[in-house]
Amino acid sequence: MKFIILGKNIDVTEGLRSAVEDKIGKLEKYFSPETEVRVTLSVEKDRQKIEVTIPVKGKIIRSEQVSNDMYVSIDLVEEIIERQLKKYKTKIVDQQQNASYFKKEFMEKDFMDEEEVKIIRTKKFDIKPMYPEDACVQMELLGHDFFVFNNADTNQINVVYKRKGNTYGLIEPED
């Protein structure tokens, strides 16, 4: 695996670089040697954040973890990515073009589906036409992080969502 390690508001010391390469390097058993791993370490006040992105032929394996200790964040992110890999292995196998990015041993090994996706509740509601700003207000009134609505401008289903820093995002379908 090839590491690209960047720091935002933090100097990437030899100790941090070594910790990242050792911990994330454990994932080497799943990937081919030329796989590129992008790691960004950042600090905001007490938040020690690590973001790991592994591009794999048109797909991205990604995790981000925050704690008050960078070494704890590094440990957590490795566990999450490993869990994601085991969980989505069958999907990778179904898309054989992506299989070349992973080691043969990983692709052939069966993993128990530790965290099978289960839908435990279904909600139905009337989707009324409204403007994105009105949808944001409705989302706030409901205390949700996202809100699905019919955009009065485009007559398409859209989603507004709450972002960090008290800002909002809008998801629209491509034309």
N, C-alpha and C. Protein backbone atom coordinates (compact mmCIF):
# COMPACT_ATOMS: atom_id res chain seq x y z
N MET A 1 0.84 -1.17 0.00
CA MET A 1 0.00 0.00 0.00
C MET A 1 0.88 1.24 0.00
N LYS A 2 0.43 2.24 -0.73
CA LYS A 2 1.17 3.51 -0.80
C LYS A 2 0.41 4.55 0.01
N PHE A 3 1.08 5.14 0.99
CA PHE A 3 0.44 6.11 1.87
C PHE A 3 0.72 7.54 1.44
N ILE A 4 -0.32 8.36 1.46
CA ILE A 4 -0.19 9.81 1.30
C ILE A 4 -0.79 10.38 2.58
N ILE A 5 0.05 10.94 3.45
CA ILE A 5 -0.40 11.42 4.75
C ILE A 5 -0.23 12.93 4.81
N LEU A 6 -1.35 13.61 5.05
CA LEU A 6 -1.36 15.07 5.12
C LEU A 6 -1.83 15.52 6.50
N GLY A 7 -1.44 16.72 6.90
CA GLY A 7 -1.88 17.27 8.17
C GLY A 7 -2.53 18.63 7.99
N LYS A 8 -3.63 18.86 8.67
CA LYS A 8 -4.29 20.17 8.70
C LYS A 8 -4.27 20.64 10.15
N ASN A 9 -3.64 21.76 10.39
CA ASN A 9 -3.49 22.31 11.74
C ASN A 9 -2.73 21.36 12.66
N ILE A 10 -1.91 20.51 12.07
CA ILE A 10 -1.11 19.56 12.86
C ILE A 10 0.13 19.19 12.05
N ASP A 11 1.27 19.08 12.73
CA ASP A 11 2.47 18.58 12.08
C ASP A 11 2.43 17.06 12.12
N VAL A 12 2.64 16.45 10.97
CA VAL A 12 2.65 14.99 10.92
C VAL A 12 4.05 14.53 11.36
N THR A 13 4.15 14.21 12.64
CA THR A 13 5.43 13.78 13.20
C THR A 13 5.76 12.37 12.76
N GLU A 14 6.99 11.96 12.99
CA GLU A 14 7.39 10.58 12.65
C GLU A 14 6.54 9.59 13.44
N GLY A 15 6.22 9.92 14.70
CA GLY A 15 5.40 9.03 15.53
C GLY A 15 4.00 8.85 14.96
N LEU A 16 3.39 9.96 14.53
CA LEU A 16 2.05 9.87 13.93
C LEU A 16 2.11 9.10 12.61
N ARG A 17 3.11 9.44 11.78
CA ARG A 17 3.26 8.75 10.49
C ARG A 17 3.42 7.24 10.71
N SER A 18 4.24 6.89 11.68
CA SER A 18 4.49 5.48 11.99
C SER A 18 3.21 4.80 12.49
N ALA A 19 2.47 5.50 13.36
CA ALA A 19 1.22 4.93 13.90
C ALA A 19 0.21 4.69 12.78
N VAL A 20 0.09 5.65 11.86
CA VAL A 20 -0.84 5.51 10.74
C VAL A 20 -0.41 4.34 9.86
N GLU A 21 0.86 4.31 9.49
CA GLU A 21 1.34 3.25 8.60
C GLU A 21 1.24 1.88 9.24
N ASP A 22 1.51 1.79 10.55
CA ASP A 22 1.40 0.50 11.24
C ASP A 22 -0.05 0.04 11.33
N LYS A 23 -0.92 0.93 11.77
CA LYS A 23 -2.32 0.55 12.01
C LYS A 23 -3.06 0.33 10.70
N ILE A 24 -3.02 1.31 9.80
CA ILE A 24 -3.72 1.18 8.51
C ILE A 24 -3.01 0.13 7.66
N GLY A 25 -1.71 -0.05 7.89
CA GLY A 25 -0.95 -1.07 7.17
C GLY A 25 -1.47 -2.47 7.42
N LYS A 26 -2.19 -2.68 8.53
CA LYS A 26 -2.79 -3.99 8.79
C LYS A 26 -3.80 -4.36 7.72
N LEU A 27 -4.33 -3.35 7.02
CA LEU A 27 -5.30 -3.59 5.95
C LEU A 27 -4.62 -4.07 4.67
N GLU A 28 -3.30 -4.08 4.68
CA GLU A 28 -2.52 -4.49 3.52
C GLU A 28 -2.89 -5.90 3.05
N LYS A 29 -3.33 -6.72 4.00
CA LYS A 29 -3.70 -8.10 3.66
C LYS A 29 -4.90 -8.16 2.73
N TYR A 30 -5.64 -7.05 2.62
CA TYR A 30 -6.83 -7.02 1.76
C TYR A 30 -6.56 -6.41 0.39
N PHE A 31 -5.54 -5.56 0.28
CA PHE A 31 -5.32 -4.79 -0.94
C PHE A 31 -4.07 -5.22 -1.69
N SER A 32 -4.06 -4.90 -2.98
CA SER A 32 -2.86 -5.14 -3.77
C SER A 32 -1.82 -4.08 -3.40
N PRO A 33 -0.53 -4.36 -3.65
CA PRO A 33 0.54 -3.46 -3.21
C PRO A 33 0.46 -2.04 -3.79
N GLU A 34 -0.10 -1.87 -4.99
CA GLU A 34 -0.15 -0.54 -5.60
C GLU A 34 -1.33 0.31 -5.15
N THR A 35 -2.14 -0.20 -4.24
CA THR A 35 -3.29 0.55 -3.74
C THR A 35 -2.82 1.79 -2.97
N GLU A 36 -3.43 2.94 -3.31
CA GLU A 36 -3.07 4.20 -2.69
C GLU A 36 -4.03 4.51 -1.54
N VAL A 37 -3.48 4.90 -0.41
CA VAL A 37 -4.27 5.24 0.77
C VAL A 37 -4.01 6.71 1.12
N ARG A 38 -5.07 7.52 1.09
CA ARG A 38 -4.94 8.93 1.43
C ARG A 38 -5.42 9.14 2.86
N VAL A 39 -4.56 9.70 3.68
CA VAL A 39 -4.87 9.93 5.09
C VAL A 39 -4.69 11.41 5.40
N THR A 40 -5.73 11.99 6.01
CA THR A 40 -5.65 13.39 6.43
C THR A 40 -5.88 13.44 7.93
N LEU A 41 -4.89 13.99 8.64
CA LEU A 41 -5.00 14.19 10.09
C LEU A 41 -5.29 15.66 10.31
N SER A 42 -6.27 15.97 11.16
CA SER A 42 -6.58 17.37 11.43
C SER A 42 -6.96 17.57 12.89
N VAL A 43 -6.77 18.81 13.33
CA VAL A 43 -7.07 19.17 14.72
C VAL A 43 -7.88 20.46 14.72
N GLU A 44 -9.01 20.44 15.43
CA GLU A 44 -9.82 21.63 15.68
C GLU A 44 -10.17 21.60 17.15
N LYS A 45 -9.63 22.51 17.90
CA LYS A 45 -9.82 22.55 19.35
C LYS A 45 -9.47 21.19 19.96
N ASP A 46 -10.45 20.51 20.59
CA ASP A 46 -10.17 19.20 21.21
C ASP A 46 -10.43 18.04 20.27
N ARG A 47 -10.83 18.34 19.04
CA ARG A 47 -11.20 17.29 18.08
C ARG A 47 -9.98 16.84 17.28
N GLN A 48 -9.59 15.58 17.47
CA GLN A 48 -8.48 14.99 16.73
C GLN A 48 -9.11 14.07 15.69
N LYS A 49 -9.03 14.45 14.42
CA LYS A 49 -9.76 13.74 13.37
C LYS A 49 -8.81 13.11 12.37
N ILE A 50 -9.16 11.90 11.95
CA ILE A 50 -8.45 11.22 10.87
C ILE A 50 -9.46 10.86 9.81
N GLU A 51 -9.10 11.13 8.55
CA GLU A 51 -9.92 10.74 7.41
C GLU A 51 -9.07 9.83 6.54
N VAL A 52 -9.61 8.67 6.21
CA VAL A 52 -8.89 7.72 5.36
C VAL A 52 -9.74 7.47 4.12
N THR A 53 -9.13 7.64 2.96
CA THR A 53 -9.82 7.43 1.69
C THR A 53 -8.99 6.48 0.85
N ILE A 54 -9.63 5.41 0.37
CA ILE A 54 -8.95 4.43 -0.47
C ILE A 54 -9.75 4.30 -1.77
N PRO A 55 -9.28 4.99 -2.84
CA PRO A 55 -9.99 4.89 -4.12
C PRO A 55 -9.76 3.51 -4.74
N VAL A 56 -10.86 2.89 -5.18
CA VAL A 56 -10.77 1.56 -5.79
C VAL A 56 -11.63 1.55 -7.04
N LYS A 57 -11.03 1.85 -8.18
CA LYS A 57 -11.66 1.83 -9.50
C LYS A 57 -13.11 2.32 -9.50
N GLY A 58 -13.26 3.61 -9.40
CA GLY A 58 -14.59 4.20 -9.48
C GLY A 58 -15.38 4.18 -8.18
N LYS A 59 -14.88 3.51 -7.17
CA LYS A 59 -15.53 3.46 -5.85
C LYS A 59 -14.56 4.04 -4.83
N ILE A 60 -15.09 4.35 -3.66
CA ILE A 60 -14.24 4.87 -2.60
C ILE A 60 -14.56 4.15 -1.30
N ILE A 61 -13.53 3.68 -0.64
CA ILE A 61 -13.67 3.13 0.71
C ILE A 61 -13.19 4.24 1.61
N ARG A 62 -14.06 4.68 2.54
CA ARG A 62 -13.73 5.87 3.31
C ARG A 62 -14.24 5.75 4.73
N SER A 63 -13.46 6.31 5.65
CA SER A 63 -13.91 6.41 7.03
C SER A 63 -13.28 7.64 7.65
N GLU A 64 -13.99 8.21 8.59
CA GLU A 64 -13.49 9.37 9.31
C GLU A 64 -13.86 9.16 10.77
N GLN A 65 -12.89 9.38 11.64
CA GLN A 65 -13.12 9.20 13.07
C GLN A 65 -12.57 10.40 13.84
N VAL A 66 -13.28 10.75 14.90
CA VAL A 66 -12.90 11.89 15.73
C VAL A 66 -12.87 11.46 17.19
N SER A 67 -11.86 11.89 17.89
CA SER A 67 -11.79 11.67 19.34
C SER A 67 -10.93 12.80 19.92
N ASN A 68 -10.64 12.73 21.21
CA ASN A 68 -9.78 13.76 21.79
C ASN A 68 -8.32 13.32 21.79
N ASP A 69 -8.01 12.16 21.16
CA ASP A 69 -6.65 11.65 21.07
C ASP A 69 -6.44 11.08 19.66
N MET A 70 -5.46 11.60 18.94
CA MET A 70 -5.25 11.18 17.55
C MET A 70 -4.97 9.69 17.44
N TYR A 71 -4.26 9.12 18.41
CA TYR A 71 -3.93 7.70 18.33
C TYR A 71 -5.19 6.83 18.51
N VAL A 72 -6.13 7.29 19.31
CA VAL A 72 -7.41 6.59 19.46
C VAL A 72 -8.18 6.67 18.14
N SER A 73 -8.18 7.85 17.52
CA SER A 73 -8.86 8.03 16.23
C SER A 73 -8.27 7.09 15.18
N ILE A 74 -6.95 6.95 15.18
CA ILE A 74 -6.28 6.06 14.22
C ILE A 74 -6.73 4.61 14.44
N ASP A 75 -6.78 4.17 15.69
CA ASP A 75 -7.23 2.81 16.00
C ASP A 75 -8.66 2.59 15.52
N LEU A 76 -9.53 3.55 15.79
CA LEU A 76 -10.94 3.42 15.43
C LEU A 76 -11.14 3.34 13.92
N VAL A 77 -10.43 4.17 13.18
CA VAL A 77 -10.63 4.22 11.73
C VAL A 77 -10.22 2.89 11.08
N GLU A 78 -9.18 2.28 11.57
CA GLU A 78 -8.74 0.98 11.00
C GLU A 78 -9.80 -0.08 11.21
N GLU A 79 -10.38 -0.12 12.41
CA GLU A 79 -11.42 -1.11 12.71
C GLU A 79 -12.65 -0.91 11.82
N ILE A 80 -13.04 0.34 11.60
CA ILE A 80 -14.21 0.65 10.79
C ILE A 80 -13.99 0.21 9.34
N ILE A 81 -12.83 0.53 8.78
CA ILE A 81 -12.56 0.16 7.39
C ILE A 81 -12.52 -1.36 7.24
N GLU A 82 -11.92 -2.05 8.19
CA GLU A 82 -11.87 -3.51 8.12
C GLU A 82 -13.28 -4.09 8.16
N ARG A 83 -14.13 -3.55 9.02
CA ARG A 83 -15.51 -4.00 9.11
C ARG A 83 -16.25 -3.74 7.78
N GLN A 84 -16.03 -2.55 7.20
CA GLN A 84 -16.65 -2.22 5.92
C GLN A 84 -16.23 -3.21 4.83
N LEU A 85 -14.93 -3.53 4.80
CA LEU A 85 -14.42 -4.44 3.79
C LEU A 85 -15.07 -5.82 3.89
N LYS A 86 -15.16 -6.33 5.10
CA LYS A 86 -15.77 -7.65 5.30
C LYS A 86 -17.25 -7.62 4.93
N LYS A 87 -17.91 -6.53 5.28
CA LYS A 87 -19.34 -6.40 5.05
C LYS A 87 -19.66 -6.32 3.56
N TYR A 88 -18.85 -5.61 2.82
CA TYR A 88 -19.15 -5.36 1.42
C TYR A 88 -18.38 -6.25 0.45
N LYS A 89 -17.70 -7.26 0.98
CA LYS A 89 -16.91 -8.14 0.12
C LYS A 89 -17.76 -8.80 -0.95
N THR A 90 -18.94 -9.24 -0.61
CA THR A 90 -19.78 -9.91 -1.60
C THR A 90 -20.17 -8.96 -2.72
N LYS A 91 -20.36 -7.69 -2.41
CA LYS A 91 -20.66 -6.71 -3.45
C LYS A 91 -19.46 -6.52 -4.36
N ILE A 92 -18.26 -6.54 -3.78
CA ILE A 92 -17.04 -6.39 -4.56
C ILE A 92 -16.88 -7.58 -5.51
N VAL A 93 -17.16 -8.77 -5.01
CA VAL A 93 -17.04 -9.97 -5.82
C VAL A 93 -18.01 -9.91 -7.00
N ASP A 94 -19.22 -9.39 -6.75
CA ASP A 94 -20.21 -9.27 -7.82
C ASP A 94 -19.72 -8.33 -8.92
N GLN A 95 -18.90 -7.39 -8.57
CA GLN A 95 -18.36 -6.45 -9.55
C GLN A 95 -16.91 -6.83 -9.80
N GLN A 96 -16.70 -7.86 -10.57
CA GLN A 96 -15.37 -8.44 -10.74
C GLN A 96 -14.30 -7.45 -11.19
N GLN A 97 -14.67 -6.36 -11.87
CA GLN A 97 -13.64 -5.42 -12.30
C GLN A 97 -12.93 -4.81 -11.10
N ASN A 98 -13.59 -4.71 -9.96
CA ASN A 98 -12.96 -4.15 -8.76
C ASN A 98 -12.11 -5.17 -8.02
N ALA A 99 -12.32 -6.43 -8.29
CA ALA A 99 -11.63 -7.48 -7.55
C ALA A 99 -10.12 -7.40 -7.73
N SER A 100 -9.65 -6.83 -8.83
CA SER A 100 -8.21 -6.77 -9.08
C SER A 100 -7.48 -5.88 -8.08
N TYR A 101 -8.20 -5.03 -7.34
CA TYR A 101 -7.57 -4.16 -6.36
C TYR A 101 -7.32 -4.87 -5.04
N PHE A 102 -7.90 -6.05 -4.88
CA PHE A 102 -7.81 -6.76 -3.62
C PHE A 102 -7.01 -8.04 -3.79
N LYS A 103 -6.42 -8.49 -2.71
CA LYS A 103 -5.65 -9.74 -2.75
C LYS A 103 -6.59 -10.93 -2.93
N LYS A 104 -6.10 -11.92 -3.62
CA LYS A 104 -6.88 -13.12 -3.93
C LYS A 104 -7.37 -13.82 -2.66
N GLU A 105 -6.52 -13.88 -1.64
CA GLU A 105 -6.88 -14.56 -0.39
C GLU A 105 -8.09 -13.90 0.27
N PHE A 106 -8.13 -12.58 0.23
CA PHE A 106 -9.26 -11.85 0.83
C PHE A 106 -10.54 -12.13 0.05
N MET A 107 -10.45 -12.16 -1.26
CA MET A 107 -11.64 -12.36 -2.08
C MET A 107 -12.20 -13.77 -1.92
N GLU A 108 -11.34 -14.74 -1.63
CA GLU A 108 -11.80 -16.12 -1.53
C GLU A 108 -12.30 -16.48 -0.13
N LYS A 109 -11.91 -15.70 0.88
CA LYS A 109 -12.29 -16.01 2.25
C LYS A 109 -13.73 -15.57 2.53
N ASP A 110 -14.49 -16.40 3.23
CA ASP A 110 -15.86 -16.05 3.61
C ASP A 110 -15.85 -15.40 4.98
N PHE A 111 -16.61 -14.35 5.12
CA PHE A 111 -16.76 -13.68 6.40
C PHE A 111 -18.21 -13.77 6.82
N MET A 112 -18.41 -13.91 8.10
CA MET A 112 -19.77 -13.88 8.64
C MET A 112 -20.27 -12.45 8.51
N ASP A 113 -21.50 -12.29 8.15
CA ASP A 113 -22.08 -10.97 8.00
C ASP A 113 -22.41 -10.43 9.39
N GLU A 114 -21.39 -9.80 10.03
CA GLU A 114 -21.52 -9.36 11.41
C GLU A 114 -22.58 -8.29 11.58
N GLU A 115 -22.67 -7.39 10.62
CA GLU A 115 -23.60 -6.28 10.74
C GLU A 115 -24.50 -6.24 9.52
N GLU A 116 -25.35 -7.22 9.38
CA GLU A 116 -26.25 -7.27 8.25
C GLU A 116 -27.20 -6.08 8.31
N VAL A 117 -27.45 -5.48 7.16
CA VAL A 117 -28.35 -4.34 7.10
C VAL A 117 -29.78 -4.82 7.28
N LYS A 118 -30.45 -4.26 8.28
CA LYS A 118 -31.84 -4.63 8.55
C LYS A 118 -32.67 -3.36 8.69
N ILE A 119 -33.71 -3.28 7.91
CA ILE A 119 -34.64 -2.16 8.04
C ILE A 119 -35.65 -2.55 9.11
N ILE A 120 -35.71 -1.77 10.18
CA ILE A 120 -36.57 -2.14 11.30
C ILE A 120 -37.83 -1.28 11.38
N ARG A 121 -37.87 -0.23 10.55
CA ARG A 121 -39.06 0.62 10.58
C ARG A 121 -39.25 1.28 9.22
N THR A 122 -40.49 1.36 8.79
CA THR A 122 -40.81 2.03 7.54
C THR A 122 -41.79 3.15 7.84
N LYS A 123 -41.52 4.33 7.30
CA LYS A 123 -42.42 5.46 7.47
C LYS A 123 -42.97 5.86 6.12
N LYS A 124 -44.23 6.22 6.09
CA LYS A 124 -44.85 6.74 4.88
C LYS A 124 -45.38 8.12 5.19
N PHE A 125 -45.19 9.03 4.26
CA PHE A 125 -45.69 10.38 4.47
C PHE A 125 -45.99 11.02 3.12
N ASP A 126 -46.85 12.01 3.15
CA ASP A 126 -47.24 12.74 1.96
C ASP A 126 -46.15 13.74 1.63
N ILE A 127 -45.64 13.70 0.40
CA ILE A 127 -44.59 14.62 -0.01
C ILE A 127 -45.25 15.79 -0.74
N LYS A 128 -45.19 16.95 -0.10
CA LYS A 128 -45.81 18.15 -0.66
C LYS A 128 -44.75 18.99 -1.37
N PRO A 129 -45.16 19.66 -2.44
CA PRO A 129 -44.20 20.56 -3.11
C PRO A 129 -43.84 21.73 -2.19
N MET A 130 -42.56 22.04 -2.09
CA MET A 130 -42.10 23.19 -1.32
C MET A 130 -40.73 23.61 -1.84
N TYR A 131 -40.30 24.77 -1.42
CA TYR A 131 -39.00 25.28 -1.82
C TYR A 131 -37.95 24.78 -0.83
N PRO A 132 -36.69 24.66 -1.26
CA PRO A 132 -35.64 24.13 -0.38
C PRO A 132 -35.53 24.86 0.96
N GLU A 133 -35.68 26.16 0.95
CA GLU A 133 -35.60 26.93 2.20
C GLU A 133 -36.71 26.51 3.16
N ASP A 134 -37.93 26.30 2.61
CA ASP A 134 -39.06 25.86 3.44
C ASP A 134 -38.80 24.46 3.99
N ALA A 135 -38.16 23.62 3.17
CA ALA A 135 -37.84 22.26 3.61
C ALA A 135 -36.84 22.31 4.78
N CYS A 136 -35.90 23.25 4.74
CA CYS A 136 -34.94 23.40 5.85
C CYS A 136 -35.66 23.79 7.14
N VAL A 137 -36.61 24.70 7.02
CA VAL A 137 -37.39 25.12 8.19
C VAL A 137 -38.17 23.93 8.74
N GLN A 138 -38.81 23.15 7.86
CA GLN A 138 -39.58 21.98 8.28
C GLN A 138 -38.67 20.96 8.97
N MET A 139 -37.47 20.75 8.41
CA MET A 139 -36.50 19.82 8.99
C MET A 139 -36.15 20.26 10.41
N GLU A 140 -35.90 21.56 10.59
CA GLU A 140 -35.56 22.09 11.92
C GLU A 140 -36.72 21.90 12.89
N LEU A 141 -37.94 22.16 12.42
CA LEU A 141 -39.12 22.00 13.28
C LEU A 141 -39.27 20.55 13.75
N LEU A 142 -38.93 19.61 12.87
CA LEU A 142 -39.03 18.19 13.22
C LEU A 142 -37.84 17.70 14.04
N GLY A 143 -36.76 18.48 14.05
CA GLY A 143 -35.56 18.08 14.79
C GLY A 143 -34.79 16.98 14.08
N HIS A 144 -34.89 16.91 12.76
CA HIS A 144 -34.19 15.89 11.98
C HIS A 144 -32.91 16.46 11.38
N ASP A 145 -32.05 15.56 10.87
CA ASP A 145 -30.82 15.97 10.19
C ASP A 145 -30.99 16.03 8.68
N PHE A 146 -32.11 15.52 8.17
CA PHE A 146 -32.39 15.58 6.74
C PHE A 146 -33.90 15.64 6.55
N PHE A 147 -34.31 16.03 5.33
CA PHE A 147 -35.74 16.11 5.04
C PHE A 147 -35.94 15.87 3.54
N VAL A 148 -36.83 14.96 3.20
CA VAL A 148 -37.15 14.62 1.82
C VAL A 148 -38.37 15.42 1.40
N PHE A 149 -38.30 16.04 0.22
CA PHE A 149 -39.43 16.86 -0.23
C PHE A 149 -39.47 16.92 -1.75
N ASN A 150 -40.61 17.37 -2.27
CA ASN A 150 -40.79 17.58 -3.70
C ASN A 150 -40.47 19.04 -3.97
N ASN A 151 -39.42 19.30 -4.74
CA ASN A 151 -38.97 20.66 -5.01
C ASN A 151 -39.99 21.37 -5.90
N ALA A 152 -40.56 22.48 -5.40
CA ALA A 152 -41.59 23.22 -6.14
C ALA A 152 -41.02 23.83 -7.43
N ASP A 153 -39.72 24.11 -7.46
CA ASP A 153 -39.10 24.68 -8.66
C ASP A 153 -38.93 23.65 -9.77
N THR A 154 -38.51 22.44 -9.40
CA THR A 154 -38.14 21.42 -10.40
C THR A 154 -39.13 20.27 -10.48
N ASN A 155 -40.03 20.17 -9.51
CA ASN A 155 -40.99 19.06 -9.41
C ASN A 155 -40.28 17.71 -9.31
N GLN A 156 -39.11 17.69 -8.66
CA GLN A 156 -38.35 16.46 -8.44
C GLN A 156 -38.17 16.25 -6.94
N ILE A 157 -37.96 14.98 -6.57
CA ILE A 157 -37.70 14.66 -5.17
C ILE A 157 -36.28 15.12 -4.83
N ASN A 158 -36.14 15.88 -3.77
CA ASN A 158 -34.86 16.39 -3.29
C ASN A 158 -34.72 16.08 -1.82
N VAL A 159 -33.50 16.25 -1.31
CA VAL A 159 -33.23 16.07 0.12
C VAL A 159 -32.42 17.27 0.58
N VAL A 160 -32.84 17.89 1.69
CA VAL A 160 -32.00 18.88 2.35
C VAL A 160 -31.43 18.20 3.58
N TYR A 161 -30.21 18.60 3.96
CA TYR A 161 -29.58 17.98 5.13
C TYR A 161 -28.76 19.02 5.87
N LYS A 162 -28.59 18.74 7.16
CA LYS A 162 -27.83 19.64 8.03
C LYS A 162 -26.35 19.29 7.91
N ARG A 163 -25.53 20.33 7.74
CA ARG A 163 -24.09 20.15 7.64
C ARG A 163 -23.43 20.72 8.89
N LYS A 164 -22.15 20.44 9.04
CA LYS A 164 -21.40 21.00 10.16
C LYS A 164 -21.37 22.52 10.02
N GLY A 165 -21.31 23.21 11.13
CA GLY A 165 -21.23 24.66 11.09
C GLY A 165 -22.57 25.32 10.85
N ASN A 166 -23.65 24.63 11.17
CA ASN A 166 -25.01 25.17 11.02
C ASN A 166 -25.32 25.64 9.61
N THR A 167 -24.86 24.87 8.62
CA THR A 167 -25.20 25.15 7.23
C THR A 167 -26.04 24.00 6.70
N TYR A 168 -26.55 24.14 5.50
CA TYR A 168 -27.44 23.14 4.93
C TYR A 168 -26.94 22.71 3.56
N GLY A 169 -27.29 21.49 3.17
CA GLY A 169 -26.97 20.98 1.85
C GLY A 169 -28.24 20.56 1.15
N LEU A 170 -28.18 20.50 -0.17
CA LEU A 170 -29.32 20.10 -1.00
C LEU A 170 -28.86 19.00 -1.94
N ILE A 171 -29.59 17.89 -1.96
CA ILE A 171 -29.29 16.80 -2.89
C ILE A 171 -30.39 16.77 -3.94
N GLU A 172 -29.96 16.87 -5.20
CA GLU A 172 -30.89 16.85 -6.34
C GLU A 172 -30.50 15.72 -7.27
N PRO A 173 -31.47 15.12 -7.95
CA PRO A 173 -31.11 14.09 -8.94
C PRO A 173 -30.46 14.73 -10.16
N GLU A 174 -29.58 13.99 -10.81
CA GLU A 174 -28.96 14.50 -12.05
C GLU A 174 -30.00 14.44 -13.16
N ASP A 175 -29.87 15.37 -14.09
CA ASP A 175 -30.79 15.38 -15.24
C ASP A 175 -30.46 14.29 -16.22
